[in-house]
Amino acid sequence: MGNTASIPTKKALKVAAKQRQRKSAMSMLLVLHLNSTLWQIINWLTTERNYSLLSDLTELSQLKREQMVVNKQYQIMQFGIEERKLKLLEQKSTVKMENLRAEAAHKCLNVEKDRLQVKVDLLQQRAQLLKEWVSQDDNDSALPLVND
């Protein structure tokens, strides 16, 4: 008796077959309905009154592509400008450094010139004293020469 419960009856098999047929028919109807709806949408979009909408969408899509190209070109140009700005800043800093070095060298030369001028003045004064018959010892004590 336990085995008879697990074996389906003819009636149960017929009911199951009818349910599968109904599900299959419903699936087919749904697919047909979806196909029909899709074609209705396509037909609606391609009718003359909606053709302008489709045309507008196509034009909008084209404009969007063109805008993306322009944006990319703009970004490339901006990158080039930023690159040139950076190079100019580098050149400017190099020129400033060279100017500072030149100013420092100029100041050093001026200091050296002034030091040499003091030495020249001292030697001229010593030469004048020697012409006036001041002794070398008195000359050395009055105007000592410092060797650099």
N, C-alpha and C. Protein backbone atom coordinates (compact mmCIF):
# COMPACT_ATOMS: atom_id res chain seq x y z
N MET A 1 0.80 -1.19 0.00
CA MET A 1 0.00 0.00 0.00
C MET A 1 0.85 1.26 0.00
N GLY A 2 2.01 1.20 0.59
CA GLY A 2 2.88 2.37 0.60
C GLY A 2 3.32 2.74 -0.79
N ASN A 3 3.43 1.77 -1.73
CA ASN A 3 3.87 2.04 -3.09
C ASN A 3 2.78 2.71 -3.92
N THR A 4 1.55 2.43 -3.69
CA THR A 4 0.45 2.99 -4.47
C THR A 4 0.32 4.47 -4.25
N ALA A 5 0.74 4.98 -3.11
CA ALA A 5 0.63 6.42 -2.83
C ALA A 5 1.62 7.20 -3.68
N SER A 6 2.76 6.63 -4.03
CA SER A 6 3.77 7.34 -4.79
C SER A 6 3.54 7.25 -6.29
N ILE A 7 2.70 6.36 -6.79
CA ILE A 7 2.42 6.24 -8.21
C ILE A 7 1.26 7.15 -8.54
N PRO A 8 1.45 8.13 -9.48
CA PRO A 8 0.35 9.04 -9.81
C PRO A 8 -0.76 8.30 -10.57
N THR A 9 -1.95 8.75 -10.34
CA THR A 9 -3.11 8.16 -11.01
C THR A 9 -3.25 8.78 -12.40
N LYS A 10 -4.06 8.17 -13.22
CA LYS A 10 -4.29 8.69 -14.57
C LYS A 10 -4.90 10.07 -14.50
N LYS A 11 -5.77 10.25 -13.55
CA LYS A 11 -6.44 11.54 -13.41
C LYS A 11 -5.42 12.63 -13.04
N ALA A 12 -4.52 12.30 -12.12
CA ALA A 12 -3.50 13.27 -11.70
C ALA A 12 -2.58 13.60 -12.87
N LEU A 13 -2.26 12.59 -13.70
CA LEU A 13 -1.40 12.81 -14.86
C LEU A 13 -2.08 13.71 -15.87
N LYS A 14 -3.38 13.52 -16.07
CA LYS A 14 -4.12 14.36 -17.01
C LYS A 14 -4.17 15.80 -16.51
N VAL A 15 -4.41 15.96 -15.20
CA VAL A 15 -4.48 17.32 -14.62
C VAL A 15 -3.12 18.02 -14.78
N ALA A 16 -2.05 17.28 -14.52
CA ALA A 16 -0.70 17.86 -14.64
C ALA A 16 -0.40 18.24 -16.09
N ALA A 17 -0.82 17.38 -17.04
CA ALA A 17 -0.61 17.66 -18.46
C ALA A 17 -1.38 18.90 -18.87
N LYS A 18 -2.63 19.03 -18.40
CA LYS A 18 -3.43 20.21 -18.73
C LYS A 18 -2.80 21.48 -18.14
N GLN A 19 -2.27 21.37 -16.93
CA GLN A 19 -1.62 22.54 -16.30
C GLN A 19 -0.38 22.95 -17.12
N ARG A 20 0.40 21.97 -17.59
CA ARG A 20 1.57 22.28 -18.42
C ARG A 20 1.15 22.92 -19.72
N GLN A 21 0.06 22.42 -20.30
CA GLN A 21 -0.44 22.99 -21.55
C GLN A 21 -0.89 24.44 -21.33
N ARG A 22 -1.59 24.66 -20.22
CA ARG A 22 -2.04 26.02 -19.92
C ARG A 22 -0.84 26.96 -19.74
N LYS A 23 0.17 26.49 -18.97
CA LYS A 23 1.37 27.31 -18.75
C LYS A 23 2.08 27.59 -20.07
N SER A 24 2.18 26.56 -20.92
CA SER A 24 2.83 26.72 -22.22
C SER A 24 2.04 27.69 -23.08
N ALA A 25 0.71 27.56 -23.07
CA ALA A 25 -0.15 28.46 -23.85
C ALA A 25 -0.03 29.88 -23.31
N MET A 26 0.00 30.03 -21.98
CA MET A 26 0.15 31.36 -21.38
C MET A 26 1.50 31.96 -21.75
N SER A 27 2.55 31.15 -21.73
CA SER A 27 3.88 31.64 -22.11
C SER A 27 3.88 32.09 -23.55
N MET A 28 3.26 31.30 -24.42
CA MET A 28 3.19 31.67 -25.84
C MET A 28 2.42 32.96 -26.02
N LEU A 29 1.29 33.10 -25.30
CA LEU A 29 0.50 34.33 -25.39
C LEU A 29 1.30 35.53 -24.90
N LEU A 30 2.03 35.32 -23.82
CA LEU A 30 2.86 36.41 -23.28
C LEU A 30 3.93 36.81 -24.28
N VAL A 31 4.62 35.84 -24.90
CA VAL A 31 5.64 36.13 -25.91
C VAL A 31 5.02 36.85 -27.09
N LEU A 32 3.85 36.36 -27.55
CA LEU A 32 3.17 37.03 -28.67
C LEU A 32 2.77 38.44 -28.30
N HIS A 33 2.29 38.59 -27.08
CA HIS A 33 1.88 39.92 -26.62
C HIS A 33 3.09 40.87 -26.56
N LEU A 34 4.20 40.37 -26.02
CA LEU A 34 5.42 41.20 -25.94
C LEU A 34 5.91 41.57 -27.33
N ASN A 35 5.93 40.60 -28.25
CA ASN A 35 6.34 40.88 -29.63
C ASN A 35 5.41 41.91 -30.26
N SER A 36 4.11 41.70 -30.03
CA SER A 36 3.12 42.62 -30.58
C SER A 36 3.33 44.02 -30.00
N THR A 37 3.56 44.09 -28.69
CA THR A 37 3.79 45.39 -28.03
C THR A 37 5.05 46.05 -28.57
N LEU A 38 6.10 45.26 -28.76
CA LEU A 38 7.36 45.79 -29.30
C LEU A 38 7.13 46.35 -30.70
N TRP A 39 6.40 45.61 -31.52
CA TRP A 39 6.12 46.11 -32.87
C TRP A 39 5.24 47.35 -32.83
N GLN A 40 4.33 47.39 -31.89
CA GLN A 40 3.49 48.58 -31.75
C GLN A 40 4.34 49.80 -31.39
N ILE A 41 5.30 49.59 -30.50
CA ILE A 41 6.19 50.71 -30.12
C ILE A 41 7.01 51.15 -31.33
N ILE A 42 7.57 50.18 -32.06
CA ILE A 42 8.37 50.52 -33.25
C ILE A 42 7.51 51.23 -34.27
N ASN A 43 6.32 50.72 -34.50
CA ASN A 43 5.41 51.37 -35.45
C ASN A 43 5.04 52.77 -34.99
N TRP A 44 4.80 52.89 -33.71
CA TRP A 44 4.45 54.21 -33.16
C TRP A 44 5.59 55.21 -33.36
N LEU A 45 6.84 54.73 -33.11
CA LEU A 45 8.00 55.61 -33.28
C LEU A 45 8.23 55.97 -34.73
N THR A 46 7.88 55.07 -35.63
CA THR A 46 8.18 55.32 -37.04
C THR A 46 7.02 55.94 -37.80
N THR A 47 5.90 56.15 -37.13
CA THR A 47 4.81 56.85 -37.83
C THR A 47 5.23 58.27 -38.09
N GLU A 48 4.59 58.87 -39.01
CA GLU A 48 4.99 60.20 -39.47
C GLU A 48 4.93 61.23 -38.33
N ARG A 49 3.92 61.12 -37.50
CA ARG A 49 3.81 62.12 -36.44
C ARG A 49 4.90 61.93 -35.40
N ASN A 50 5.41 60.72 -35.23
CA ASN A 50 6.46 60.46 -34.25
C ASN A 50 7.83 60.34 -34.91
N TYR A 51 7.86 60.41 -36.22
CA TYR A 51 9.14 60.34 -36.92
C TYR A 51 10.03 61.50 -36.51
N SER A 52 9.41 62.65 -36.28
CA SER A 52 10.20 63.82 -35.87
C SER A 52 10.84 63.57 -34.50
N LEU A 53 10.14 62.86 -33.60
CA LEU A 53 10.72 62.52 -32.30
C LEU A 53 11.94 61.62 -32.49
N LEU A 54 11.80 60.61 -33.34
CA LEU A 54 12.91 59.72 -33.63
C LEU A 54 14.05 60.49 -34.28
N SER A 55 13.71 61.38 -35.18
CA SER A 55 14.72 62.20 -35.84
C SER A 55 15.41 63.10 -34.83
N ASP A 56 14.61 63.69 -33.92
CA ASP A 56 15.20 64.54 -32.87
C ASP A 56 16.14 63.75 -31.97
N LEU A 57 15.73 62.52 -31.64
CA LEU A 57 16.60 61.69 -30.80
C LEU A 57 17.90 61.36 -31.52
N THR A 58 17.81 61.07 -32.81
CA THR A 58 19.01 60.78 -33.59
C THR A 58 19.91 62.02 -33.65
N GLU A 59 19.31 63.16 -33.90
CA GLU A 59 20.08 64.41 -33.97
C GLU A 59 20.71 64.72 -32.61
N LEU A 60 19.93 64.51 -31.56
CA LEU A 60 20.45 64.75 -30.21
C LEU A 60 21.63 63.83 -29.91
N SER A 61 21.51 62.60 -30.32
CA SER A 61 22.61 61.64 -30.14
C SER A 61 23.85 62.09 -30.90
N GLN A 62 23.67 62.55 -32.12
CA GLN A 62 24.79 63.05 -32.93
C GLN A 62 25.43 64.28 -32.28
N LEU A 63 24.58 65.19 -31.80
CA LEU A 63 25.09 66.39 -31.13
C LEU A 63 25.87 66.02 -29.88
N LYS A 64 25.38 65.03 -29.15
CA LYS A 64 26.07 64.57 -27.94
C LYS A 64 27.45 64.04 -28.29
N ARG A 65 27.53 63.23 -29.38
CA ARG A 65 28.83 62.70 -29.82
C ARG A 65 29.77 63.84 -30.20
N GLU A 66 29.25 64.81 -30.94
CA GLU A 66 30.07 65.96 -31.35
C GLU A 66 30.53 66.75 -30.13
N GLN A 67 29.64 66.92 -29.15
CA GLN A 67 30.01 67.64 -27.94
C GLN A 67 31.11 66.90 -27.18
N MET A 68 31.03 65.57 -27.16
CA MET A 68 32.07 64.79 -26.49
C MET A 68 33.42 64.97 -27.18
N VAL A 69 33.41 65.02 -28.51
CA VAL A 69 34.65 65.23 -29.27
C VAL A 69 35.21 66.62 -28.96
N VAL A 70 34.33 67.63 -28.96
CA VAL A 70 34.77 69.00 -28.66
C VAL A 70 35.32 69.08 -27.25
N ASN A 71 34.65 68.44 -26.30
CA ASN A 71 35.12 68.43 -24.91
C ASN A 71 36.50 67.80 -24.80
N LYS A 72 36.71 66.71 -25.51
CA LYS A 72 38.01 66.04 -25.48
C LYS A 72 39.09 66.95 -26.07
N GLN A 73 38.77 67.59 -27.20
CA GLN A 73 39.73 68.52 -27.81
C GLN A 73 40.03 69.67 -26.85
N TYR A 74 39.01 70.18 -26.18
CA TYR A 74 39.18 71.27 -25.22
C TYR A 74 40.09 70.83 -24.08
N GLN A 75 39.87 69.62 -23.57
CA GLN A 75 40.71 69.11 -22.48
C GLN A 75 42.15 68.96 -22.94
N ILE A 76 42.36 68.51 -24.17
CA ILE A 76 43.72 68.38 -24.70
C ILE A 76 44.38 69.75 -24.80
N MET A 77 43.59 70.74 -25.29
CA MET A 77 44.13 72.10 -25.39
C MET A 77 44.45 72.65 -24.00
N GLN A 78 43.57 72.43 -23.03
CA GLN A 78 43.80 72.90 -21.66
C GLN A 78 45.08 72.28 -21.10
N PHE A 79 45.27 70.98 -21.36
CA PHE A 79 46.47 70.30 -20.89
C PHE A 79 47.71 70.94 -21.52
N GLY A 80 47.64 71.25 -22.81
CA GLY A 80 48.77 71.90 -23.50
C GLY A 80 49.06 73.27 -22.90
N ILE A 81 48.00 74.02 -22.60
CA ILE A 81 48.18 75.35 -22.00
C ILE A 81 48.84 75.22 -20.62
N GLU A 82 48.34 74.28 -19.81
CA GLU A 82 48.92 74.08 -18.48
C GLU A 82 50.38 73.66 -18.58
N GLU A 83 50.68 72.82 -19.58
CA GLU A 83 52.05 72.38 -19.78
C GLU A 83 52.95 73.57 -20.13
N ARG A 84 52.46 74.45 -21.03
CA ARG A 84 53.23 75.64 -21.41
C ARG A 84 53.39 76.59 -20.24
N LYS A 85 52.35 76.75 -19.43
CA LYS A 85 52.44 77.59 -18.23
C LYS A 85 53.55 77.10 -17.31
N LEU A 86 53.59 75.78 -17.12
CA LEU A 86 54.60 75.18 -16.26
C LEU A 86 56.00 75.44 -16.81
N LYS A 87 56.17 75.28 -18.12
CA LYS A 87 57.48 75.54 -18.73
C LYS A 87 57.88 77.00 -18.56
N LEU A 88 56.90 77.91 -18.74
CA LEU A 88 57.20 79.34 -18.56
C LEU A 88 57.59 79.65 -17.13
N LEU A 89 56.91 79.03 -16.17
CA LEU A 89 57.26 79.24 -14.76
C LEU A 89 58.67 78.72 -14.48
N GLU A 90 59.01 77.59 -15.07
CA GLU A 90 60.36 77.05 -14.90
C GLU A 90 61.39 78.01 -15.49
N GLN A 91 61.11 78.54 -16.70
CA GLN A 91 62.03 79.48 -17.33
C GLN A 91 62.15 80.75 -16.49
N LYS A 92 61.03 81.22 -15.96
CA LYS A 92 61.03 82.43 -15.15
C LYS A 92 61.88 82.23 -13.90
N SER A 93 61.73 81.08 -13.26
CA SER A 93 62.53 80.83 -12.05
C SER A 93 64.02 80.71 -12.40
N THR A 94 64.32 80.12 -13.57
CA THR A 94 65.72 80.02 -14.00
C THR A 94 66.31 81.41 -14.24
N VAL A 95 65.54 82.28 -14.89
CA VAL A 95 66.00 83.65 -15.15
C VAL A 95 66.21 84.39 -13.83
N LYS A 96 65.28 84.22 -12.88
CA LYS A 96 65.42 84.88 -11.57
C LYS A 96 66.69 84.42 -10.86
N MET A 97 66.95 83.10 -10.93
CA MET A 97 68.16 82.57 -10.29
C MET A 97 69.41 83.16 -10.96
N GLU A 98 69.41 83.23 -12.27
CA GLU A 98 70.55 83.80 -12.98
C GLU A 98 70.74 85.27 -12.62
N ASN A 99 69.62 86.01 -12.51
CA ASN A 99 69.71 87.42 -12.12
C ASN A 99 70.27 87.57 -10.71
N LEU A 100 69.81 86.72 -9.79
CA LEU A 100 70.32 86.78 -8.42
C LEU A 100 71.81 86.45 -8.38
N ARG A 101 72.24 85.47 -9.16
CA ARG A 101 73.67 85.14 -9.21
C ARG A 101 74.47 86.31 -9.77
N ALA A 102 73.94 86.94 -10.83
CA ALA A 102 74.63 88.08 -11.44
C ALA A 102 74.72 89.24 -10.46
N GLU A 103 73.61 89.51 -9.73
CA GLU A 103 73.64 90.58 -8.72
C GLU A 103 74.65 90.29 -7.63
N ALA A 104 74.70 89.05 -7.17
CA ALA A 104 75.65 88.66 -6.12
C ALA A 104 77.08 88.83 -6.63
N ALA A 105 77.33 88.39 -7.86
CA ALA A 105 78.68 88.53 -8.44
C ALA A 105 79.02 90.01 -8.59
N HIS A 106 78.04 90.82 -9.00
CA HIS A 106 78.26 92.26 -9.16
C HIS A 106 78.61 92.90 -7.81
N LYS A 107 77.89 92.51 -6.76
CA LYS A 107 78.18 93.06 -5.43
C LYS A 107 79.57 92.64 -4.96
N CYS A 108 79.92 91.36 -5.22
CA CYS A 108 81.26 90.90 -4.84
C CYS A 108 82.33 91.69 -5.58
N LEU A 109 82.10 91.94 -6.86
CA LEU A 109 83.07 92.72 -7.65
C LEU A 109 83.17 94.15 -7.12
N ASN A 110 82.02 94.73 -6.75
CA ASN A 110 82.04 96.10 -6.19
C ASN A 110 82.81 96.13 -4.88
N VAL A 111 82.63 95.14 -4.03
CA VAL A 111 83.37 95.07 -2.76
C VAL A 111 84.86 94.95 -3.04
N GLU A 112 85.20 94.08 -3.98
CA GLU A 112 86.62 93.89 -4.33
C GLU A 112 87.19 95.18 -4.92
N LYS A 113 86.41 95.86 -5.77
CA LYS A 113 86.85 97.13 -6.36
C LYS A 113 87.10 98.17 -5.27
N ASP A 114 86.15 98.25 -4.32
CA ASP A 114 86.31 99.21 -3.21
C ASP A 114 87.54 98.88 -2.37
N ARG A 115 87.77 97.59 -2.11
CA ARG A 115 88.95 97.18 -1.33
C ARG A 115 90.24 97.56 -2.06
N LEU A 116 90.24 97.31 -3.40
CA LEU A 116 91.42 97.66 -4.18
C LEU A 116 91.61 99.18 -4.25
N GLN A 117 90.51 99.93 -4.30
CA GLN A 117 90.60 101.38 -4.34
C GLN A 117 91.21 101.91 -3.04
N VAL A 118 90.84 101.31 -1.91
CA VAL A 118 91.43 101.70 -0.62
C VAL A 118 92.93 101.44 -0.65
N LYS A 119 93.29 100.28 -1.19
CA LYS A 119 94.71 99.94 -1.27
C LYS A 119 95.46 100.92 -2.18
N VAL A 120 94.85 101.27 -3.32
CA VAL A 120 95.47 102.22 -4.25
C VAL A 120 95.65 103.58 -3.56
N ASP A 121 94.59 104.03 -2.87
CA ASP A 121 94.67 105.30 -2.14
C ASP A 121 95.79 105.27 -1.11
N LEU A 122 95.90 104.16 -0.39
CA LEU A 122 96.94 104.01 0.63
C LEU A 122 98.33 104.05 -0.01
N LEU A 123 98.48 103.35 -1.13
CA LEU A 123 99.78 103.35 -1.82
C LEU A 123 100.13 104.75 -2.37
N GLN A 124 99.10 105.46 -2.85
CA GLN A 124 99.35 106.82 -3.34
C GLN A 124 99.78 107.74 -2.20
N GLN A 125 99.14 107.55 -1.04
CA GLN A 125 99.53 108.37 0.11
C GLN A 125 100.95 108.03 0.57
N ARG A 126 101.28 106.74 0.54
CA ARG A 126 102.63 106.34 0.92
C ARG A 126 103.65 106.90 -0.08
N ALA A 127 103.31 106.85 -1.36
CA ALA A 127 104.23 107.38 -2.38
C ALA A 127 104.41 108.88 -2.18
N GLN A 128 103.35 109.58 -1.81
CA GLN A 128 103.44 111.02 -1.56
C GLN A 128 104.35 111.30 -0.37
N LEU A 129 104.22 110.47 0.67
CA LEU A 129 105.07 110.67 1.86
C LEU A 129 106.53 110.40 1.52
N LEU A 130 106.77 109.40 0.68
CA LEU A 130 108.15 109.11 0.29
C LEU A 130 108.74 110.27 -0.51
N LYS A 131 107.90 110.93 -1.32
CA LYS A 131 108.37 112.10 -2.09
C LYS A 131 108.72 113.25 -1.15
N GLU A 132 108.02 113.29 -0.02
CA GLU A 132 108.27 114.38 0.94
C GLU A 132 109.40 114.01 1.90
N TRP A 133 110.12 113.01 1.62
CA TRP A 133 111.28 112.58 2.35
C TRP A 133 110.96 112.07 3.76
N VAL A 134 109.81 111.43 3.88
CA VAL A 134 109.49 110.76 5.15
C VAL A 134 110.15 109.39 5.09
N SER A 135 110.75 108.97 6.20
CA SER A 135 111.48 107.70 6.19
C SER A 135 110.51 106.53 6.00
N GLN A 136 111.08 105.43 5.52
CA GLN A 136 110.28 104.22 5.26
C GLN A 136 109.67 103.70 6.55
N ASP A 137 110.38 103.74 7.65
CA ASP A 137 109.87 103.25 8.93
C ASP A 137 108.70 104.09 9.41
N ASP A 138 108.84 105.42 9.27
CA ASP A 138 107.73 106.30 9.66
C ASP A 138 106.52 106.09 8.74
N ASN A 139 106.82 105.88 7.47
CA ASN A 139 105.77 105.63 6.48
C ASN A 139 105.03 104.34 6.82
N ASP A 140 105.77 103.27 7.16
CA ASP A 140 105.16 101.97 7.49
C ASP A 140 104.33 102.07 8.77
N SER A 141 104.78 102.86 9.72
CA SER A 141 104.01 102.96 10.96
C SER A 141 102.78 103.86 10.78
N ALA A 142 102.88 104.90 9.92
CA ALA A 142 101.75 105.80 9.71
C ALA A 142 100.69 105.17 8.81
N LEU A 143 101.15 104.53 7.75
CA LEU A 143 100.22 103.91 6.78
C LEU A 143 100.63 102.46 6.55
N PRO A 144 100.25 101.54 7.44
CA PRO A 144 100.69 100.16 7.28
C PRO A 144 99.92 99.48 6.11
N LEU A 145 100.69 98.67 5.40
CA LEU A 145 100.08 97.87 4.31
C LEU A 145 99.67 96.52 4.88
N VAL A 146 98.46 96.12 4.56
CA VAL A 146 97.97 94.82 4.99
C VAL A 146 97.91 93.93 3.76
N ASN A 147 98.57 92.78 3.80
CA ASN A 147 98.57 91.86 2.65
C ASN A 147 97.34 90.96 2.74
N ASP A 148 96.63 90.90 1.62
CA ASP A 148 95.41 90.06 1.59
C ASP A 148 95.74 88.72 1.01
